[in-house]
Every structure is written in C-alpha cells, then in structure tokens.
Amino acid sequence: MGLIMNFNISDYSNKFFDGRWCDSTGEVADILEPATGNALGKIVLTTAIDVDKAVSSSKAAQGKWAATPFNQRADCLRKVAEVMRENAELFIEWNIRECGSIRPKAEWELQAAIEQLNASAALTMYPDGATYPSSVPGRRNIVRHVALGVIGVIAPWNFPLLLAMRSVAPAIALGNAVVLKPDHQSAVTGGLLMARAFEEAGLPPGVFSVVPGDVIAGEALVENESVAMISFTGSTPVGKKIGSKCGGRLKKAALELGGNNAFIVLADADLDAAASNGAWGSFLHQGQICMQAGRHFVHESVADEYIQKLAERARKLRIGDPYRQEVEIGPLINEAQYRRVEGIVQESLQQGACLITGGKGERLFYEPTILANVDVSNRACAEELFGPVVPVVTFKDEDHLVEQVLRSDYGLAAAIHTQNYGVAFSLADRLKAGMVHINDQTVNNEFHVPFGGMGDSGNGSRFGGLANIEEFTEVQWVSFTEKPIIYPF
C-alpha cells in the first residue's frame, strides 16, 4: 500500500476511470482553489461517449462481481479503507484546497468515509433473504435481495468524499457495479482519489468507474438504459428532473435533496448550549450543507438573549484561507454562490429583517451573518440558504411554531432544544422531517443509522445500516417443490 501518495493531478487532466485510466476527448477545465482563485490543475469534463463506455465496462464486470464470495468483496472494501487511512493527508489536503473545507471538517469527512467502507464490508455477511410459509403443500418460499446491476451515483461538491462513498461502498458490497459522476468542482477529492484508492486495493476492473463531468455526463448516466438505479445527492430542482427521467424509464432512484431545516429553541432551553449548537449547525462549512440549521425558531420570551449569545459566537469565528491559516470559516465554493448568499441577505433586509452581525464579505469569504425580525415569508426563511446566514424567527406557542415550520416544503432535519422531553417528542410527531435531534443540532450523520428526508428533501430513500440493503438491491421470490405440481390442465 501507499503508492497513491504519488498522485499527480497533471497525469489525470484528460482521464476518466473505468477500471483502467482512459483518455477522454471532453473539454478540459481548471480546478480552482476557492480561497485564492488559483488553478490547482485541470480536469476533464467527460462526454456521453465516455459515460457509455464506463457503463459498458461496469455491466461486463458486474455479474462476476456479484458471484464473488462475500468475504472477498468485504476484503476489497477493507483494503480501500486501509489505503485511504494510510494516505489520509492526500485526501485531507485536496478537500481543503479544492472544496474550501476547514481542516477539522476534512479530517472528519475522511474518517466518516472510512467508517462507511468498513460498515459496508460488514454488510456483505448480513442475511440476504428470508423464508415464507406456503399455502401449497410441499412448497417452500424464499424471498431474497439480489443486486440491481449497474448503479449510477451522482455526488455533490460540499461533502464530496462521504456523500459519494455512502452510496458507492454499500452498492459495491451488495454485488453491484458503480459508475460515479462527481461534481466537476470536487472531482479530485470525490472522484479521482477514490478511483486510485479502489485501484490500489485491487478491486476488479469495471466494478467501480469514475466519470468527472458536468450536466452532460450526468444526463448520459441517467439516460443510459444499462444503468438500473441512480443515487443522486444535490438540489431539489435537479433531483426532481432526475426523478422524472428515472420514472419514465422505470429506473430506481434514490434522491437525497435540499433542506431548509428548523432549529427550535423553546422557552426552557439551555441558551448557552442552544447557541453553541445553533452556531455549529449554521456555520459549519460556511453553511454549505443540506442539513444546515437554516431557520432558527426561538420562543419570543428568550429570543433577545439567544440572539445575543449566538452573535457573540459568530463574531469570534475566524475567516480565511483554510489551507494556509487556522480558521473556522473558509470560502464559499464559487462566485455564483457568493452572489446568491449576498442577494438573499440584501433582499431580506429590504423585506424588513434586522442585521445583527455580518452581512458583508469579500472575494468568496462571507461573514457569519445573523438576521432578526424575520418573517417566514422572508427570502432568508423561504429558501435553502447554503451560506453562513441565520434568520431568527420568533413564536408564541407550540401551535404557532408548528404552523410556521410547516410553511416550508422541505423536510430533511430539525433540532429541538428544551428540558421537557415529552414536549420535544410531541413536537417531533408534528414536524415533517426525516430526522429530528433533541438538544443537538441538525448536522448529524451516523453511518449505521438510516438517513434521509421527506417532502422536497427526498423521495423517502434512506442511506445507512440495514436501509442500504433495501436501497441497493431488488427483491426476488424463489419458490420450489421437491416434486412437480400437477395442475387441472
């Protein structure tokens, strides 16, 4: 192990991976470092022809891989985890420079991806079916989970390594082949380095492919008839389009989409703890997380004190280049995202919000921002933020709270701060959210716990633990009798 440390981006500037490194005729784009605007290298934007070639390689390899004994499939995944652990600094450095991650976030993401690989290795030895009784004498019924075939994974740029691996690893563990299309803004961290790790670990050629690219590559993957399933993590508008295309092709789709998550502070909450959780949930990775604590709902009796405590934390956060400085807030991913965040803040102020702190920035660095006197119709509340911005909305009682929270069509995560667990569980029953965390924040992920949203946050798919078996397989009923049945004709 260890050869992956020789990774040189210039060797891969026109390459995609289908078990072998292949030349592409696609357009070559710069890999930009958000903190500086400098080019770190170049990456190819693969063509539809490249994607089809990768899918063909995967289709050819998948049957043999599915027939490989479970312990050998598990061993391959554990070897990938070992390669990544041995070469941790390479993954971490690229995550910091390519994605604008602060070092603790990049370190955590790598460890979470390694945990996902090891958990998926264990998944190979779980029961793959069950027996059912029969009303027909002498018949036995077996219902089992079988591999889907080729699975296309379309991953985002914000947590490119983990959000790719949470689909890639269990899908491969369960006998599928995978074609991964990472976002072109994170194609090294969430694509090429992964390909090298799987290659180094000795995964059979074709079982895992990487096709860096933009919408052209994504559409080609969705539309390829040999792809049995698409696992997509990204925005709700794009996810709806992918779901529609998959539905028209009777193709399975797992859609993990956006969020506008409610962070709720009741009158009896520990405000110091709530402010800590609120700052972490809103400002981690510059707020560029689908689980971001996007809307803070605070009881009117404690709102002023909570805002003061949150603002004190926000003002202490250091902003800068996470590769060259020790900071808590790095750059937004690109200029378009910066302009969007700035536009949301300015429009919200025009709609009557009050600026408590922040509200400005330079280049791609935007200050942690808190807005008070916000109505749920205000743009800062109505849209997914994906930036370091906190809109604070007050409420009078639980009914008023629930009515305001449910004004959003998203339903990914929520957090509730209170000393009364009974009230918290009662509120959880009334909220439309796939995940509810009590006395915690919204940005939570544990590899063995089913993860996913409701409403515009997803189509009910779940990642994690035993839920992976349901997502990345299909069910087959096999019945048998010792002697053939004789029917009336």
Protein backbone atom coordinates (compact mmCIF):
# COMPACT_ATOMS: atom_id res chain seq x y z
CA MET A 1 0.00 0.00 0.00
CA GLY A 2 0.97 3.64 -0.16
CA LEU A 3 1.59 4.17 -3.89
CA ILE A 4 -1.39 6.50 -4.08
CA MET A 5 0.84 9.14 -2.46
CA ASN A 6 2.44 9.55 -5.89
CA PHE A 7 -0.79 11.04 -7.21
CA ASN A 8 -0.02 13.94 -9.55
CA ILE A 9 -3.02 15.75 -10.96
CA SER A 10 -1.21 16.54 -14.22
CA ASP A 11 -1.23 12.82 -15.01
CA TYR A 12 -5.03 12.74 -14.94
CA SER A 13 -6.03 16.00 -16.63
CA ASN A 14 -7.76 14.24 -19.54
CA LYS A 15 -8.56 10.91 -17.87
CA PHE A 16 -11.60 9.03 -16.64
CA PHE A 17 -11.60 5.65 -14.93
CA ASP A 18 -13.50 2.50 -15.91
CA GLY A 19 -11.18 0.10 -14.12
CA ARG A 20 -8.43 1.43 -16.36
CA TRP A 21 -7.41 5.04 -16.97
CA CYS A 22 -8.83 6.14 -20.30
CA ASP A 23 -8.28 9.24 -22.40
CA SER A 24 -11.28 11.48 -22.97
CA THR A 25 -11.93 13.93 -25.79
CA GLY A 26 -14.06 16.06 -23.49
CA GLU A 27 -13.41 19.69 -22.62
CA VAL A 28 -10.67 20.28 -20.05
CA ALA A 29 -11.48 22.71 -17.20
CA ASP A 30 -9.40 24.32 -14.47
CA ILE A 31 -9.61 23.02 -10.91
CA LEU A 32 -9.94 26.26 -8.97
CA GLU A 33 -8.95 26.78 -5.35
CA PRO A 34 -11.87 28.81 -3.90
CA ALA A 35 -9.71 30.52 -1.28
CA THR A 36 -7.28 32.02 -3.81
CA GLY A 37 -8.81 31.63 -7.25
CA ASN A 38 -5.64 29.83 -8.36
CA ALA A 39 -5.74 26.78 -10.63
CA LEU A 40 -4.66 23.58 -8.89
CA GLY A 41 -4.63 21.63 -12.13
CA LYS A 42 -7.05 20.57 -14.82
CA ILE A 43 -9.87 18.06 -15.01
CA VAL A 44 -11.71 16.62 -17.99
CA LEU A 45 -15.46 17.00 -18.40
CA THR A 46 -16.32 13.59 -19.76
CA THR A 47 -18.59 13.15 -22.76
CA ALA A 48 -21.67 10.98 -23.17
CA ILE A 49 -19.48 8.54 -25.13
CA ASP A 50 -17.11 8.28 -22.15
CA VAL A 51 -20.01 7.63 -19.78
CA ASP A 52 -21.44 4.94 -22.04
CA LYS A 53 -18.02 3.28 -22.21
CA ALA A 54 -17.75 3.26 -18.42
CA VAL A 55 -21.25 1.82 -18.10
CA SER A 56 -20.41 -0.91 -20.60
CA SER A 57 -17.31 -1.85 -18.60
CA SER A 58 -19.37 -1.95 -15.42
CA LYS A 59 -22.07 -4.07 -17.00
CA ALA A 60 -19.47 -6.57 -18.19
CA ALA A 61 -17.87 -6.81 -14.74
CA GLN A 62 -20.95 -6.80 -12.52
CA GLY A 63 -22.14 -10.40 -12.89
CA LYS A 64 -18.81 -11.90 -11.91
CA TRP A 65 -18.51 -9.44 -9.03
CA ALA A 66 -21.96 -10.36 -7.69
CA ALA A 67 -20.93 -14.03 -7.77
CA THR A 68 -17.72 -13.30 -5.82
CA PRO A 69 -17.88 -14.78 -2.30
CA PHE A 70 -18.99 -12.24 0.29
CA ASN A 71 -15.75 -12.42 2.28
CA GLN A 72 -13.73 -11.46 -0.78
CA ARG A 73 -15.99 -8.49 -1.52
CA ALA A 74 -15.65 -7.43 2.10
CA ASP A 75 -11.89 -7.77 1.96
CA CYS A 76 -11.70 -5.44 -1.06
CA LEU A 77 -13.65 -2.74 0.77
CA ARG A 78 -11.50 -3.04 3.88
CA LYS A 79 -8.40 -2.67 1.70
CA VAL A 80 -9.82 0.54 0.22
CA ALA A 81 -10.34 1.84 3.75
CA GLU A 82 -6.74 0.93 4.58
CA VAL A 83 -5.41 2.76 1.50
CA MET A 84 -7.36 5.86 2.42
CA ARG A 85 -6.20 5.78 6.02
CA GLU A 86 -2.56 5.34 5.00
CA ASN A 87 -2.85 8.28 2.63
CA ALA A 88 -5.04 10.47 4.79
CA GLU A 89 -3.11 13.69 4.26
CA LEU A 90 -3.53 13.50 0.49
CA PHE A 91 -7.33 13.28 0.81
CA ILE A 92 -7.43 15.96 3.50
CA GLU A 93 -5.26 18.44 1.62
CA TRP A 94 -7.27 18.13 -1.58
CA ASN A 95 -10.52 18.52 0.35
CA ILE A 96 -9.22 21.73 1.93
CA ARG A 97 -7.84 23.25 -1.25
CA GLU A 98 -10.39 22.05 -3.81
CA CYS A 99 -13.55 22.38 -1.70
CA GLY A 100 -12.72 25.18 0.76
CA SER A 101 -13.07 22.85 3.75
CA ILE A 102 -11.50 23.71 7.06
CA ARG A 103 -9.11 21.01 8.26
CA PRO A 104 -11.34 19.54 11.04
CA LYS A 105 -14.17 19.13 8.52
CA ALA A 106 -11.86 17.45 6.00
CA GLU A 107 -10.44 15.14 8.68
CA TRP A 108 -13.92 14.19 9.90
CA GLU A 109 -15.15 13.55 6.37
CA LEU A 110 -12.27 11.20 5.61
CA GLN A 111 -12.85 9.24 8.81
CA ALA A 112 -16.58 9.02 8.10
CA ALA A 113 -15.86 7.68 4.60
CA ILE A 114 -13.52 5.05 6.07
CA GLU A 115 -16.20 4.06 8.58
CA GLN A 116 -18.69 3.75 5.71
CA LEU A 117 -16.35 1.39 3.87
CA ASN A 118 -15.87 -0.83 6.93
CA ALA A 119 -19.59 -0.83 7.71
CA SER A 120 -20.30 -1.82 4.11
CA ALA A 121 -17.76 -4.63 4.35
CA ALA A 122 -19.76 -6.00 7.28
CA LEU A 123 -22.95 -5.61 5.24
CA THR A 124 -21.82 -8.43 2.94
CA MET A 125 -22.41 -11.05 5.65
CA TYR A 126 -25.89 -9.90 6.66
CA PRO A 127 -28.85 -12.18 5.80
CA ASP A 128 -29.78 -11.70 2.15
CA GLY A 129 -33.29 -13.08 2.43
CA ALA A 130 -35.94 -14.94 4.41
CA THR A 131 -38.24 -17.95 4.08
CA TYR A 132 -42.02 -17.57 3.99
CA PRO A 133 -44.69 -20.22 4.60
CA SER A 134 -46.76 -21.50 1.69
CA SER A 135 -50.40 -22.47 1.38
CA VAL A 136 -49.36 -25.08 -1.19
CA PRO A 137 -48.29 -28.40 0.40
CA GLY A 138 -44.65 -29.18 -0.22
CA ARG A 139 -43.71 -25.71 -1.48
CA ARG A 140 -41.02 -23.54 0.08
CA ASN A 141 -40.82 -19.79 -0.50
CA ILE A 142 -37.59 -17.85 -0.37
CA VAL A 143 -37.54 -14.06 -0.74
CA ARG A 144 -34.05 -12.72 -1.26
CA HIS A 145 -32.24 -9.49 -2.06
CA VAL A 146 -30.29 -9.54 -5.32
CA ALA A 147 -28.00 -6.96 -6.86
CA LEU A 148 -29.59 -4.40 -9.16
CA GLY A 149 -26.72 -4.36 -11.66
CA VAL A 150 -25.05 -1.08 -12.60
CA ILE A 151 -25.75 1.84 -10.28
CA GLY A 152 -25.05 5.44 -11.21
CA VAL A 153 -24.01 7.72 -8.34
CA ILE A 154 -24.15 11.49 -8.83
CA ALA A 155 -22.44 13.22 -5.91
CA PRO A 156 -22.20 16.89 -4.82
CA TRP A 157 -19.24 19.15 -4.06
CA ASN A 158 -19.87 20.04 -0.41
CA PHE A 159 -19.02 16.67 1.20
CA PRO A 160 -17.74 15.00 -1.98
CA LEU A 161 -15.95 12.07 -0.39
CA LEU A 162 -18.54 10.99 2.15
CA LEU A 163 -21.65 11.67 0.08
CA ALA A 164 -20.20 9.60 -2.75
CA MET A 165 -18.95 6.80 -0.51
CA ARG A 166 -22.25 6.35 1.34
CA SER A 167 -23.70 5.07 -1.96
CA VAL A 168 -20.60 3.63 -3.62
CA ALA A 169 -19.49 1.39 -0.74
CA PRO A 170 -22.80 -0.36 0.10
CA ALA A 171 -23.73 -0.69 -3.56
CA ILE A 172 -20.45 -2.48 -4.32
CA ALA A 173 -20.68 -4.55 -1.14
CA LEU A 174 -24.06 -5.88 -2.23
CA GLY A 175 -22.80 -7.06 -5.62
CA ASN A 176 -23.46 -4.08 -7.85
CA ALA A 177 -21.04 -2.22 -10.11
CA VAL A 178 -20.94 1.57 -9.73
CA VAL A 179 -20.32 4.47 -12.09
CA LEU A 180 -19.64 7.62 -10.07
CA LYS A 181 -20.05 11.11 -11.51
CA PRO A 182 -18.53 13.58 -9.05
CA ASP A 183 -19.25 17.29 -9.33
CA HIS A 184 -16.61 18.93 -11.51
CA GLN A 185 -15.81 21.34 -8.65
CA SER A 186 -14.74 18.43 -6.41
CA ALA A 187 -13.72 15.82 -8.97
CA VAL A 188 -10.36 15.10 -7.37
CA THR A 189 -11.44 14.73 -3.73
CA GLY A 190 -14.69 12.97 -4.56
CA GLY A 191 -13.65 11.13 -7.70
CA LEU A 192 -10.10 10.61 -8.93
CA LEU A 193 -8.62 9.95 -5.49
CA MET A 194 -11.38 7.45 -4.83
CA ALA A 195 -10.62 5.74 -8.14
CA ARG A 196 -6.95 5.47 -7.19
CA ALA A 197 -7.84 4.05 -3.79
CA PHE A 198 -10.08 1.34 -5.28
CA GLU A 199 -7.46 0.63 -7.94
CA GLU A 200 -4.72 0.35 -5.32
CA ALA A 201 -6.88 -2.00 -3.24
CA GLY A 202 -7.24 -4.41 -6.16
CA LEU A 203 -10.93 -4.11 -6.96
CA PRO A 204 -11.60 -5.97 -10.22
CA PRO A 205 -11.62 -3.65 -13.26
CA GLY A 206 -15.06 -2.30 -14.16
CA VAL A 207 -16.66 -2.74 -10.76
CA PHE A 208 -16.03 0.93 -9.97
CA SER A 209 -15.77 3.72 -12.54
CA VAL A 210 -15.37 7.49 -12.23
CA VAL A 211 -16.55 9.93 -14.91
CA PRO A 212 -15.82 13.54 -13.88
CA GLY A 213 -18.11 15.99 -15.58
CA ASP A 214 -20.98 18.42 -15.66
CA VAL A 215 -24.61 18.13 -16.69
CA ILE A 216 -23.72 16.32 -19.94
CA ALA A 217 -22.14 13.42 -18.08
CA GLY A 218 -24.95 13.38 -15.52
CA GLU A 219 -27.66 13.22 -18.15
CA ALA A 220 -25.83 10.46 -20.02
CA LEU A 221 -25.66 8.39 -16.83
CA VAL A 222 -29.35 8.89 -16.07
CA GLU A 223 -30.44 8.09 -19.61
CA ASN A 224 -28.25 5.02 -20.17
CA GLU A 225 -30.56 2.01 -20.35
CA SER A 226 -27.97 -0.28 -18.75
CA VAL A 227 -27.99 1.75 -15.52
CA ALA A 228 -30.52 0.17 -13.17
CA MET A 229 -30.53 2.87 -10.49
CA ILE A 230 -29.46 6.45 -9.90
CA SER A 231 -28.40 7.61 -6.44
CA PHE A 232 -28.39 11.40 -6.51
CA THR A 233 -27.44 13.90 -3.83
CA GLY A 234 -27.99 17.54 -4.72
CA SER A 235 -30.53 20.29 -5.17
CA THR A 236 -34.26 19.67 -5.17
CA PRO A 237 -34.92 21.17 -8.66
CA VAL A 238 -32.28 18.93 -10.25
CA GLY A 239 -33.42 15.95 -8.21
CA LYS A 240 -36.99 16.36 -9.44
CA LYS A 241 -35.79 16.31 -13.05
CA ILE A 242 -33.73 13.19 -12.43
CA GLY A 243 -36.64 11.51 -10.65
CA SER A 244 -38.92 12.29 -13.60
CA LYS A 245 -36.45 10.85 -16.10
CA CYS A 246 -35.90 7.73 -13.99
CA GLY A 247 -39.64 7.26 -13.56
CA GLY A 248 -40.17 7.38 -17.32
CA ARG A 249 -37.58 4.63 -17.69
CA LEU A 250 -38.86 2.56 -14.73
CA LYS A 251 -35.44 3.10 -13.18
CA LYS A 252 -34.98 3.13 -9.43
CA ALA A 253 -33.94 6.49 -7.98
CA ALA A 254 -32.65 7.39 -4.53
CA LEU A 255 -32.92 11.17 -4.20
CA GLU A 256 -31.34 12.97 -1.22
CA LEU A 257 -32.14 16.61 -1.84
CA GLY A 258 -32.11 20.05 -0.22
CA GLY A 259 -33.23 21.20 3.19
CA ASN A 260 -34.48 24.28 5.00
CA ASN A 261 -34.05 22.86 8.44
CA ALA A 262 -35.73 24.14 11.58
CA PHE A 263 -33.60 24.80 14.65
CA ILE A 264 -36.07 25.24 17.51
CA VAL A 265 -35.35 26.89 20.86
CA LEU A 266 -38.14 26.59 23.44
CA ALA A 267 -38.54 28.91 26.42
CA ASP A 268 -36.93 26.47 28.88
CA ALA A 269 -33.87 25.70 26.74
CA ASP A 270 -30.29 25.96 27.95
CA LEU A 271 -29.48 29.03 25.87
CA ASP A 272 -25.70 28.68 26.05
CA ALA A 273 -25.93 25.13 24.73
CA ALA A 274 -28.54 26.15 22.16
CA ALA A 275 -26.33 28.97 20.88
CA SER A 276 -23.38 26.58 20.58
CA ASN A 277 -25.47 24.10 18.64
CA GLY A 278 -27.01 26.84 16.53
CA ALA A 279 -23.63 28.28 15.55
CA TRP A 280 -22.22 24.87 14.65
CA GLY A 281 -25.31 23.82 12.71
CA SER A 282 -25.45 27.07 10.75
CA PHE A 283 -21.82 27.99 10.13
CA LEU A 284 -20.01 24.67 9.68
CA HIS A 285 -18.51 24.56 6.18
CA GLN A 286 -19.83 28.08 5.61
CA GLY A 287 -23.38 26.72 5.87
CA GLN A 288 -22.97 24.76 2.63
CA ILE A 289 -24.69 21.65 3.97
CA CYS A 290 -28.14 20.29 3.17
CA MET A 291 -28.64 19.70 6.92
CA GLN A 292 -27.68 23.28 7.83
CA ALA A 293 -29.69 24.84 10.65
CA GLY A 294 -31.31 27.20 8.20
CA ARG A 295 -34.23 28.66 10.15
CA HIS A 296 -33.92 29.40 13.87
CA PHE A 297 -37.32 29.43 15.59
CA VAL A 298 -36.96 30.92 19.07
CA HIS A 299 -39.63 31.48 21.70
CA GLU A 300 -40.32 35.20 21.97
CA SER A 301 -39.53 35.25 25.71
CA VAL A 302 -35.87 34.22 25.16
CA ALA A 303 -35.25 35.49 21.64
CA ASP A 304 -33.22 38.58 22.55
CA GLU A 305 -30.92 36.65 24.88
CA TYR A 306 -30.48 33.81 22.39
CA ILE A 307 -29.63 36.21 19.56
CA GLN A 308 -27.06 37.94 21.75
CA LYS A 309 -25.37 34.65 22.68
CA LEU A 310 -25.40 33.43 19.07
CA ALA A 311 -23.97 36.73 17.82
CA GLU A 312 -21.13 36.55 20.34
CA ARG A 313 -20.15 33.17 18.94
CA ALA A 314 -20.50 34.31 15.33
CA ARG A 315 -18.22 37.31 15.83
CA LYS A 316 -15.44 35.12 17.24
CA LEU A 317 -15.24 32.88 14.17
CA ARG A 318 -12.07 33.40 12.16
CA ILE A 319 -12.43 33.78 8.39
CA GLY A 320 -9.74 32.98 5.84
CA ASP A 321 -7.86 30.51 3.66
CA PRO A 322 -8.20 27.13 5.44
CA TYR A 323 -5.09 25.72 3.75
CA ARG A 324 -2.78 28.49 4.94
CA GLN A 325 -4.50 29.67 8.12
CA GLU A 326 -6.23 28.20 11.15
CA VAL A 327 -9.81 29.34 10.62
CA GLU A 328 -13.40 28.28 11.27
CA ILE A 329 -14.91 29.87 8.15
CA GLY A 330 -13.45 29.23 4.72
CA PRO A 331 -14.56 30.40 1.27
CA LEU A 332 -17.84 29.72 -0.46
CA ILE A 333 -17.46 27.32 -3.35
CA ASN A 334 -17.71 29.83 -6.22
CA GLU A 335 -18.70 33.36 -7.20
CA ALA A 336 -22.25 32.40 -8.15
CA GLN A 337 -22.84 31.01 -4.67
CA TYR A 338 -21.36 34.15 -3.09
CA ARG A 339 -23.65 36.39 -5.15
CA ARG A 340 -26.64 34.25 -4.22
CA VAL A 341 -25.93 34.44 -0.48
CA GLU A 342 -25.31 38.18 -0.67
CA GLY A 343 -28.54 38.63 -2.65
CA ILE A 344 -30.58 36.69 -0.09
CA VAL A 345 -29.23 38.82 2.76
CA GLN A 346 -29.77 42.15 1.00
CA GLU A 347 -33.27 41.25 -0.17
CA SER A 348 -34.17 40.03 3.32
CA LEU A 349 -33.04 43.33 4.81
CA GLN A 350 -35.22 45.16 2.30
CA GLN A 351 -38.13 42.94 3.39
CA GLY A 352 -37.76 44.14 6.98
CA ALA A 353 -35.15 41.89 8.58
CA CYS A 354 -32.71 43.46 11.05
CA LEU A 355 -28.97 42.85 10.67
CA ILE A 356 -27.38 41.78 13.98
CA THR A 357 -23.91 40.91 12.74
CA GLY A 358 -22.12 40.12 9.47
CA GLY A 359 -23.88 40.92 6.23
CA LYS A 360 -20.79 41.51 4.15
CA GLY A 361 -17.71 39.88 2.71
CA GLU A 362 -15.03 39.98 0.06
CA ARG A 363 -13.97 37.67 -2.73
CA LEU A 364 -15.57 34.32 -1.73
CA PHE A 365 -15.41 34.92 2.02
CA TYR A 366 -18.73 35.90 3.62
CA GLU A 367 -19.04 36.83 7.28
CA PRO A 368 -21.22 34.74 9.61
CA THR A 369 -24.49 36.66 9.47
CA ILE A 370 -27.46 36.83 11.83
CA LEU A 371 -30.79 38.37 10.86
CA ALA A 372 -33.52 39.16 13.40
CA ASN A 373 -37.12 40.35 12.99
CA VAL A 374 -37.56 37.81 10.21
CA ASP A 375 -40.91 36.62 8.93
CA VAL A 376 -41.25 33.13 7.46
CA SER A 377 -42.20 34.69 4.11
CA ASN A 378 -38.85 36.50 4.05
CA ARG A 379 -36.47 35.12 1.42
CA ALA A 380 -33.93 34.09 4.06
CA CYS A 381 -36.55 31.73 5.51
CA ALA A 382 -38.30 30.68 2.33
CA GLU A 383 -35.24 29.34 0.50
CA GLU A 384 -32.46 26.88 1.25
CA LEU A 385 -29.58 29.16 2.25
CA PHE A 386 -26.37 27.17 1.66
CA GLY A 387 -24.38 30.01 3.20
CA PRO A 388 -23.31 31.29 6.66
CA VAL A 389 -26.59 33.06 7.38
CA VAL A 390 -29.00 32.66 10.32
CA PRO A 391 -32.55 34.05 10.11
CA VAL A 392 -34.21 34.15 13.56
CA VAL A 393 -38.00 33.83 13.71
CA THR A 394 -39.93 34.17 16.97
CA PHE A 395 -43.01 32.20 18.01
CA LYS A 396 -45.62 32.49 20.75
CA ASP A 397 -46.61 28.89 21.44
CA GLU A 398 -46.27 25.39 20.02
CA ASP A 399 -49.15 25.71 17.56
CA HIS A 400 -47.72 28.96 16.24
CA LEU A 401 -44.29 27.29 15.97
CA VAL A 402 -45.56 24.26 14.05
CA GLU A 403 -47.60 26.40 11.69
CA GLN A 404 -44.52 28.45 10.79
CA VAL A 405 -42.16 25.48 10.47
CA LEU A 406 -44.56 23.68 8.12
CA ARG A 407 -44.65 26.64 5.75
CA SER A 408 -41.62 25.04 4.07
CA ASP A 409 -41.99 22.12 1.65
CA TYR A 410 -38.61 20.76 2.72
CA GLY A 411 -38.44 18.02 5.35
CA LEU A 412 -34.88 16.90 5.92
CA ALA A 413 -33.82 17.61 9.52
CA ALA A 414 -34.90 19.51 12.63
CA ALA A 415 -33.48 20.16 16.08
CA ILE A 416 -35.37 20.97 19.29
CA HIS A 417 -33.84 22.48 22.43
CA THR A 418 -35.83 22.02 25.62
CA GLN A 419 -35.63 20.43 29.06
CA ASN A 420 -39.00 18.76 28.53
CA TYR A 421 -38.56 15.56 26.54
CA GLY A 422 -42.29 14.97 26.40
CA VAL A 423 -42.84 18.28 24.65
CA ALA A 424 -39.93 17.57 22.32
CA PHE A 425 -41.31 14.18 21.26
CA SER A 426 -44.75 15.66 20.80
CA LEU A 427 -43.27 18.31 18.50
CA ALA A 428 -41.33 15.66 16.59
CA ASP A 429 -44.64 13.93 15.85
CA ARG A 430 -45.99 17.14 14.33
CA LEU A 431 -42.98 18.12 12.24
CA LYS A 432 -42.38 16.91 8.70
CA ALA A 433 -38.73 15.92 8.97
CA GLY A 434 -36.85 12.73 8.23
CA MET A 435 -34.54 13.33 11.19
CA VAL A 436 -35.22 15.13 14.48
CA HIS A 437 -32.47 15.73 17.06
CA ILE A 438 -33.33 16.77 20.61
CA ASN A 439 -30.87 19.04 22.41
CA ASP A 440 -28.50 18.78 19.48
CA GLN A 441 -28.05 20.44 16.10
CA THR A 442 -29.24 19.47 12.63
CA VAL A 443 -25.95 18.40 11.02
CA ASN A 444 -25.80 14.80 12.19
CA ASN A 445 -24.72 11.64 10.40
CA GLU A 446 -24.01 8.16 11.75
CA PHE A 447 -23.12 5.54 9.17
CA HIS A 448 -25.31 2.82 10.71
CA VAL A 449 -28.49 4.91 11.14
CA PRO A 450 -30.93 5.41 8.23
CA PHE A 451 -30.53 8.91 6.79
CA GLY A 452 -32.96 10.78 4.55
CA GLY A 453 -35.71 13.33 4.25
CA MET A 454 -39.37 13.87 3.50
CA GLY A 455 -41.22 16.17 1.14
CA ASP A 456 -38.97 18.23 -1.14
CA SER A 457 -35.94 16.85 0.70
CA GLY A 458 -36.15 13.44 -0.96
CA ASN A 459 -38.26 10.56 -2.15
CA GLY A 460 -38.19 8.52 1.05
CA SER A 461 -34.90 6.80 0.26
CA ARG A 462 -32.60 6.05 3.16
CA PHE A 463 -28.84 5.58 3.44
CA GLY A 464 -27.13 3.80 6.33
CA GLY A 465 -27.10 0.43 8.06
CA LEU A 466 -29.72 -2.11 7.07
CA ALA A 467 -31.52 0.54 5.00
CA ASN A 468 -28.72 0.14 2.45
CA ILE A 469 -29.89 -3.39 1.70
CA GLU A 470 -33.32 -2.09 0.69
CA GLU A 471 -31.86 0.76 -1.37
CA PHE A 472 -29.20 -1.03 -3.38
CA THR A 473 -30.90 -4.36 -4.14
CA GLU A 474 -34.18 -5.62 -5.51
CA VAL A 475 -36.31 -8.42 -4.13
CA GLN A 476 -36.68 -11.78 -5.85
CA TRP A 477 -39.17 -14.50 -4.84
CA VAL A 478 -37.96 -18.06 -5.44
CA SER A 479 -40.25 -21.00 -4.69
CA PHE A 480 -39.54 -24.69 -5.08
CA THR A 481 -41.14 -28.06 -4.50
CA GLU A 482 -39.50 -31.46 -4.33
CA LYS A 483 -42.00 -32.90 -6.83
CA PRO A 484 -43.64 -31.00 -9.68
CA ILE A 485 -47.20 -29.88 -9.05
CA ILE A 486 -49.89 -31.38 -11.27
CA TYR A 487 -52.50 -28.77 -12.26
CA PRO A 488 -56.02 -29.38 -13.65
CA PHE A 489 -54.85 -28.72 -17.22
